Amino acid sequence: MKINAENVLKDMISLLTSYLNELSDISDTPGTQFAYGEKTAYTECLEILSTWDQAEENGLDFDIERRFPL
């Protein structure tokens, strides 16, 4: 099934936000570098998605760095 770009972006925002919520307690300490790298990558992806002109109306209506600090 194919969907349009807007729905893809909405799904990505939802999925990345969910992943970041799961990783909220991860910090850059020995033994957690891989998970911290995931957290960093997901945060960067959300920051890129936040440049979409409809990002706020589709779930990115918060300060990403404040909600998911690195």
PDB file of N, CA and C in Angstrom:
ATOM      1  N   MET A   1       0.837  -1.178   0.000  1.00  0.00           N
ATOM      2  CA  MET A   1       0.000   0.000   0.000  1.00  0.00           C
ATOM      3  C   MET A   1       0.885   1.246   0.000  1.00  0.00           C
ATOM      4  N   LYS A   2       0.624   2.153  -0.885  1.00  0.00           N
ATOM      5  CA  LYS A   2       1.378   3.406  -0.941  1.00  0.00           C
ATOM      6  C   LYS A   2       0.574   4.501  -0.263  1.00  0.00           C
ATOM      7  N   ILE A   3       1.303   5.370   0.440  1.00  0.00           N
ATOM      8  CA  ILE A   3       0.663   6.520   1.077  1.00  0.00           C
ATOM      9  C   ILE A   3       1.384   7.784   0.632  1.00  0.00           C
ATOM     10  N   ASN A   4       0.744   8.923   0.839  1.00  0.00           N
ATOM     11  CA  ASN A   4       1.356  10.174   0.378  1.00  0.00           C
ATOM     12  C   ASN A   4       2.432  10.648   1.361  1.00  0.00           C
ATOM     13  N   ALA A   5       3.216  11.614   0.941  1.00  0.00           N
ATOM     14  CA  ALA A   5       4.359  12.106   1.713  1.00  0.00           C
ATOM     15  C   ALA A   5       3.930  12.673   3.066  1.00  0.00           C
ATOM     16  N   GLU A   6       2.793  13.344   3.112  1.00  0.00           N
ATOM     17  CA  GLU A   6       2.336  13.919   4.375  1.00  0.00           C
ATOM     18  C   GLU A   6       2.100  12.822   5.410  1.00  0.00           C
ATOM     19  N   ASN A   7       1.494  11.737   5.002  1.00  0.00           N
ATOM     20  CA  ASN A   7       1.256  10.638   5.941  1.00  0.00           C
ATOM     21  C   ASN A   7       2.551   9.955   6.353  1.00  0.00           C
ATOM     22  N   VAL A   8       3.509   9.869   5.451  1.00  0.00           N
ATOM     23  CA  VAL A   8       4.823   9.322   5.797  1.00  0.00           C
ATOM     24  C   VAL A   8       5.471  10.187   6.873  1.00  0.00           C
ATOM     25  N   LEU A   9       5.442  11.503   6.689  1.00  0.00           N
ATOM     26  CA  LEU A   9       6.050  12.411   7.664  1.00  0.00           C
ATOM     27  C   LEU A   9       5.354  12.315   9.021  1.00  0.00           C
ATOM     28  N   LYS A  10       4.041  12.226   9.029  1.00  0.00           N
ATOM     29  CA  LYS A  10       3.295  12.075  10.281  1.00  0.00           C
ATOM     30  C   LYS A  10       3.696  10.784  10.987  1.00  0.00           C
ATOM     31  N   ASP A  11       3.792   9.701  10.224  1.00  0.00           N
ATOM     32  CA  ASP A  11       4.191   8.416  10.810  1.00  0.00           C
ATOM     33  C   ASP A  11       5.603   8.479  11.369  1.00  0.00           C
ATOM     34  N   MET A  12       6.498   9.141  10.648  1.00  0.00           N
ATOM     35  CA  MET A  12       7.878   9.271  11.123  1.00  0.00           C
ATOM     36  C   MET A  12       7.941  10.064  12.421  1.00  0.00           C
ATOM     37  N   ILE A  13       7.201  11.151  12.502  1.00  0.00           N
ATOM     38  CA  ILE A  13       7.170  11.959  13.723  1.00  0.00           C
ATOM     39  C   ILE A  13       6.681  11.111  14.890  1.00  0.00           C
ATOM     40  N   SER A  14       5.628  10.379  14.672  1.00  0.00           N
ATOM     41  CA  SER A  14       5.065   9.528  15.725  1.00  0.00           C
ATOM     42  C   SER A  14       6.045   8.446  16.160  1.00  0.00           C
ATOM     43  N   LEU A  15       6.653   7.771  15.200  1.00  0.00           N
ATOM     44  CA  LEU A  15       7.584   6.689  15.503  1.00  0.00           C
ATOM     45  C   LEU A  15       8.835   7.195  16.216  1.00  0.00           C
ATOM     46  N   LEU A  16       9.428   8.273  15.708  1.00  0.00           N
ATOM     47  CA  LEU A  16      10.633   8.812  16.335  1.00  0.00           C
ATOM     48  C   LEU A  16      10.347   9.323  17.743  1.00  0.00           C
ATOM     49  N   THR A  17       9.216   9.951  17.943  1.00  0.00           N
ATOM     50  CA  THR A  17       8.833  10.428  19.275  1.00  0.00           C
ATOM     51  C   THR A  17       8.664   9.248  20.224  1.00  0.00           C
ATOM     52  N   SER A  18       8.061   8.179  19.753  1.00  0.00           N
ATOM     53  CA  SER A  18       7.886   6.980  20.569  1.00  0.00           C
ATOM     54  C   SER A  18       9.243   6.389  20.960  1.00  0.00           C
ATOM     55  N   TYR A  19      10.144   6.257  19.984  1.00  0.00           N
ATOM     56  CA  TYR A  19      11.478   5.735  20.272  1.00  0.00           C
ATOM     57  C   TYR A  19      12.195   6.606  21.301  1.00  0.00           C
ATOM     58  N   LEU A  20      12.101   7.915  21.148  1.00  0.00           N
ATOM     59  CA  LEU A  20      12.778   8.818  22.075  1.00  0.00           C
ATOM     60  C   LEU A  20      12.180   8.738  23.475  1.00  0.00           C
ATOM     61  N   ASN A  21      10.886   8.542  23.578  1.00  0.00           N
ATOM     62  CA  ASN A  21      10.278   8.362  24.891  1.00  0.00           C
ATOM     63  C   ASN A  21      10.827   7.108  25.568  1.00  0.00           C
ATOM     64  N   GLU A  22      11.037   6.033  24.792  1.00  0.00           N
ATOM     65  CA  GLU A  22      11.610   4.804  25.332  1.00  0.00           C
ATOM     66  C   GLU A  22      13.054   4.993  25.781  1.00  0.00           C
ATOM     67  N   LEU A  23      13.779   5.886  25.119  1.00  0.00           N
ATOM     68  CA  LEU A  23      15.195   6.121  25.423  1.00  0.00           C
ATOM     69  C   LEU A  23      15.409   7.311  26.360  1.00  0.00           C
ATOM     70  N   SER A  24      14.368   7.816  26.974  1.00  0.00           N
ATOM     71  CA  SER A  24      14.464   9.057  27.746  1.00  0.00           C
ATOM     72  C   SER A  24      15.471   8.994  28.897  1.00  0.00           C
ATOM     73  N   ASP A  25      15.697   7.830  29.466  1.00  0.00           N
ATOM     74  CA  ASP A  25      16.615   7.717  30.602  1.00  0.00           C
ATOM     75  C   ASP A  25      18.051   7.419  30.199  1.00  0.00           C
ATOM     76  N   ILE A  26      18.318   7.296  28.916  1.00  0.00           N
ATOM     77  CA  ILE A  26      19.662   6.966  28.430  1.00  0.00           C
ATOM     78  C   ILE A  26      20.543   8.210  28.437  1.00  0.00           C
ATOM     79  N   SER A  27      21.751   8.041  28.960  1.00  0.00           N
ATOM     80  CA  SER A  27      22.728   9.130  28.925  1.00  0.00           C
ATOM     81  C   SER A  27      24.023   8.595  28.323  1.00  0.00           C
ATOM     82  N   ASP A  28      24.942   9.478  28.078  1.00  0.00           N
ATOM     83  CA  ASP A  28      26.214   9.106  27.445  1.00  0.00           C
ATOM     84  C   ASP A  28      27.171   8.589  28.512  1.00  0.00           C
ATOM     85  N   THR A  29      26.966   7.352  28.924  1.00  0.00           N
ATOM     86  CA  THR A  29      27.818   6.725  29.933  1.00  0.00           C
ATOM     87  C   THR A  29      28.335   5.399  29.388  1.00  0.00           C
ATOM     88  N   PRO A  30      29.425   4.887  29.944  1.00  0.00           N
ATOM     89  CA  PRO A  30      29.941   3.600  29.463  1.00  0.00           C
ATOM     90  C   PRO A  30      28.856   2.521  29.510  1.00  0.00           C
ATOM     91  N   GLY A  31      28.762   1.761  28.452  1.00  0.00           N
ATOM     92  CA  GLY A  31      27.787   0.698  28.366  1.00  0.00           C
ATOM     93  C   GLY A  31      26.475   1.107  27.715  1.00  0.00           C
ATOM     94  N   THR A  32      26.295   2.400  27.485  1.00  0.00           N
ATOM     95  CA  THR A  32      25.049   2.850  26.860  1.00  0.00           C
ATOM     96  C   THR A  32      25.307   3.666  25.596  1.00  0.00           C
ATOM     97  N   GLN A  33      26.533   3.612  25.093  1.00  0.00           N
ATOM     98  CA  GLN A  33      26.873   4.446  23.944  1.00  0.00           C
ATOM     99  C   GLN A  33      26.014   4.145  22.715  1.00  0.00           C
ATOM    100  N   PHE A  34      25.694   2.863  22.467  1.00  0.00           N
ATOM    101  CA  PHE A  34      24.887   2.540  21.289  1.00  0.00           C
ATOM    102  C   PHE A  34      23.493   3.148  21.421  1.00  0.00           C
ATOM    103  N   ALA A  35      22.863   2.963  22.572  1.00  0.00           N
ATOM    104  CA  ALA A  35      21.522   3.518  22.791  1.00  0.00           C
ATOM    105  C   ALA A  35      21.564   5.040  22.759  1.00  0.00           C
ATOM    106  N   TYR A  36      22.635   5.631  23.301  1.00  0.00           N
ATOM    107  CA  TYR A  36      22.763   7.085  23.269  1.00  0.00           C
ATOM    108  C   TYR A  36      22.916   7.576  21.829  1.00  0.00           C
ATOM    109  N   GLY A  37      23.629   6.803  21.015  1.00  0.00           N
ATOM    110  CA  GLY A  37      23.765   7.139  19.595  1.00  0.00           C
ATOM    111  C   GLY A  37      22.416   7.098  18.893  1.00  0.00           C
ATOM    112  N   GLU A  38      21.601   6.094  19.241  1.00  0.00           N
ATOM    113  CA  GLU A  38      20.245   6.033  18.688  1.00  0.00           C
ATOM    114  C   GLU A  38      19.457   7.273  19.081  1.00  0.00           C
ATOM    115  N   LYS A  39      19.537   7.626  20.349  1.00  0.00           N
ATOM    116  CA  LYS A  39      18.813   8.793  20.863  1.00  0.00           C
ATOM    117  C   LYS A  39      19.230  10.057  20.119  1.00  0.00           C
ATOM    118  N   THR A  40      20.527  10.205  19.907  1.00  0.00           N
ATOM    119  CA  THR A  40      21.048  11.362  19.187  1.00  0.00           C
ATOM    120  C   THR A  40      20.536  11.389  17.742  1.00  0.00           C
ATOM    121  N   ALA A  41      20.584  10.251  17.077  1.00  0.00           N
ATOM    122  CA  ALA A  41      20.134  10.176  15.680  1.00  0.00           C
ATOM    123  C   ALA A  41      18.641  10.475  15.571  1.00  0.00           C
ATOM    124  N   TYR A  42      17.836   9.913  16.466  1.00  0.00           N
ATOM    125  CA  TYR A  42      16.394  10.158  16.420  1.00  0.00           C
ATOM    126  C   TYR A  42      16.086  11.629  16.676  1.00  0.00           C
ATOM    127  N   THR A  43      16.829  12.231  17.599  1.00  0.00           N
ATOM    128  CA  THR A  43      16.627  13.649  17.893  1.00  0.00           C
ATOM    129  C   THR A  43      16.970  14.498  16.674  1.00  0.00           C
ATOM    130  N   GLU A  44      18.075  14.180  16.017  1.00  0.00           N
ATOM    131  CA  GLU A  44      18.461  14.921  14.815  1.00  0.00           C
ATOM    132  C   GLU A  44      17.413  14.767  13.714  1.00  0.00           C
ATOM    133  N   CYS A  45      16.852  13.573  13.576  1.00  0.00           N
ATOM    134  CA  CYS A  45      15.805  13.358  12.575  1.00  0.00           C
ATOM    135  C   CYS A  45      14.580  14.211  12.882  1.00  0.00           C
ATOM    136  N   LEU A  46      14.180  14.270  14.155  1.00  0.00           N
ATOM    137  CA  LEU A  46      13.042  15.115  14.521  1.00  0.00           C
ATOM    138  C   LEU A  46      13.332  16.581  14.241  1.00  0.00           C
ATOM    139  N   GLU A  47      14.564  17.007  14.498  1.00  0.00           N
ATOM    140  CA  GLU A  47      14.919  18.399  14.222  1.00  0.00           C
ATOM    141  C   GLU A  47      14.808  18.707  12.735  1.00  0.00           C
ATOM    142  N   ILE A  48      15.186  17.763  11.890  1.00  0.00           N
ATOM    143  CA  ILE A  48      15.039  17.961  10.446  1.00  0.00           C
ATOM    144  C   ILE A  48      13.557  18.009  10.084  1.00  0.00           C
ATOM    145  N   LEU A  49      12.773  17.094  10.641  1.00  0.00           N
ATOM    146  CA  LEU A  49      11.340  17.077  10.358  1.00  0.00           C
ATOM    147  C   LEU A  49      10.644  18.345  10.844  1.00  0.00           C
ATOM    148  N   SER A  50      11.204  18.981  11.857  1.00  0.00           N
ATOM    149  CA  SER A  50      10.581  20.200  12.391  1.00  0.00           C
ATOM    150  C   SER A  50      10.647  21.360  11.404  1.00  0.00           C
ATOM    151  N   THR A  51      11.451  21.232  10.353  1.00  0.00           N
ATOM    152  CA  THR A  51      11.521  22.288   9.338  1.00  0.00           C
ATOM    153  C   THR A  51      10.360  22.200   8.340  1.00  0.00           C
ATOM    154  N   TRP A  52       9.616  21.114   8.384  1.00  0.00           N
ATOM    155  CA  TRP A  52       8.429  20.946   7.535  1.00  0.00           C
ATOM    156  C   TRP A  52       7.411  22.011   7.920  1.00  0.00           C
ATOM    157  N   ASP A  53       6.820  22.664   6.963  1.00  0.00           N
ATOM    158  CA  ASP A  53       5.901  23.771   7.249  1.00  0.00           C
ATOM    159  C   ASP A  53       4.631  23.333   7.982  1.00  0.00           C
ATOM    160  N   GLN A  54       4.351  22.059   8.034  1.00  0.00           N
ATOM    161  CA  GLN A  54       3.185  21.565   8.764  1.00  0.00           C
ATOM    162  C   GLN A  54       3.562  20.739   9.997  1.00  0.00           C
ATOM    163  N   ALA A  55       4.812  20.872  10.431  1.00  0.00           N
ATOM    164  CA  ALA A  55       5.295  20.060  11.551  1.00  0.00           C
ATOM    165  C   ALA A  55       4.516  20.306  12.835  1.00  0.00           C
ATOM    166  N   GLU A  56       4.265  21.567  13.151  1.00  0.00           N
ATOM    167  CA  GLU A  56       3.572  21.879  14.404  1.00  0.00           C
ATOM    168  C   GLU A  56       2.172  21.283  14.439  1.00  0.00           C
ATOM    169  N   GLU A  57       1.464  21.343  13.332  1.00  0.00           N
ATOM    170  CA  GLU A  57       0.099  20.806  13.286  1.00  0.00           C
ATOM    171  C   GLU A  57       0.079  19.283  13.318  1.00  0.00           C
ATOM    172  N   ASN A  58       1.235  18.677  13.140  1.00  0.00           N
ATOM    173  CA  ASN A  58       1.305  17.223  13.047  1.00  0.00           C
ATOM    174  C   ASN A  58       2.179  16.589  14.125  1.00  0.00           C
ATOM    175  N   GLY A  59       2.205  17.204  15.298  1.00  0.00           N
ATOM    176  CA  GLY A  59       2.846  16.572  16.439  1.00  0.00           C
ATOM    177  C   GLY A  59       4.158  17.156  16.905  1.00  0.00           C
ATOM    178  N   LEU A  60       4.772  18.044  16.138  1.00  0.00           N
ATOM    179  CA  LEU A  60       6.041  18.642  16.567  1.00  0.00           C
ATOM    180  C   LEU A  60       5.801  20.061  17.064  1.00  0.00           C
ATOM    181  N   ASP A  61       4.920  20.184  18.024  1.00  0.00           N
ATOM    182  CA  ASP A  61       4.574  21.487  18.587  1.00  0.00           C
ATOM    183  C   ASP A  61       5.242  21.688  19.950  1.00  0.00           C
ATOM    184  N   PHE A  62       6.486  21.206  20.070  1.00  0.00           N
ATOM    185  CA  PHE A  62       7.241  21.318  21.318  1.00  0.00           C
ATOM    186  C   PHE A  62       8.707  21.580  20.988  1.00  0.00           C
ATOM    187  N   ASP A  63       9.449  22.009  22.006  1.00  0.00           N
ATOM    188  CA  ASP A  63      10.889  22.233  21.852  1.00  0.00           C
ATOM    189  C   ASP A  63      11.575  20.872  21.963  1.00  0.00           C
ATOM    190  N   ILE A  64      12.102  20.388  20.865  1.00  0.00           N
ATOM    191  CA  ILE A  64      12.692  19.050  20.805  1.00  0.00           C
ATOM    192  C   ILE A  64      13.846  18.899  21.791  1.00  0.00           C
ATOM    193  N   GLU A  65      14.746  19.867  21.823  1.00  0.00           N
ATOM    194  CA  GLU A  65      15.912  19.775  22.705  1.00  0.00           C
ATOM    195  C   GLU A  65      15.537  19.820  24.178  1.00  0.00           C
ATOM    196  N   ARG A  66      14.462  20.493  24.487  1.00  0.00           N
ATOM    197  CA  ARG A  66      14.005  20.557  25.880  1.00  0.00           C
ATOM    198  C   ARG A  66      13.330  19.249  26.275  1.00  0.00           C
ATOM    199  N   ARG A  67      12.519  18.717  25.391  1.00  0.00           N
ATOM    200  CA  ARG A  67      11.781  17.486  25.698  1.00  0.00           C
ATOM    201  C   ARG A  67      12.686  16.257  25.671  1.00  0.00           C
ATOM    202  N   PHE A  68      13.666  16.248  24.768  1.00  0.00           N
ATOM    203  CA  PHE A  68      14.583  15.123  24.632  1.00  0.00           C
ATOM    204  C   PHE A  68      16.037  15.611  24.725  1.00  0.00           C
ATOM    205  N   PRO A  69      16.455  16.042  25.916  1.00  0.00           N
ATOM    206  CA  PRO A  69      17.818  16.568  26.062  1.00  0.00           C
ATOM    207  C   PRO A  69      18.886  15.492  25.830  1.00  0.00           C
ATOM    208  N   LEU A  70      19.991  15.924  25.249  1.00  0.00           N
ATOM    209  CA  LEU A  70      21.100  14.987  24.985  1.00  0.00           C
ATOM    210  C   LEU A  70      22.207  15.147  25.984  1.00  0.00           C
TER     211      LEU A  70
END
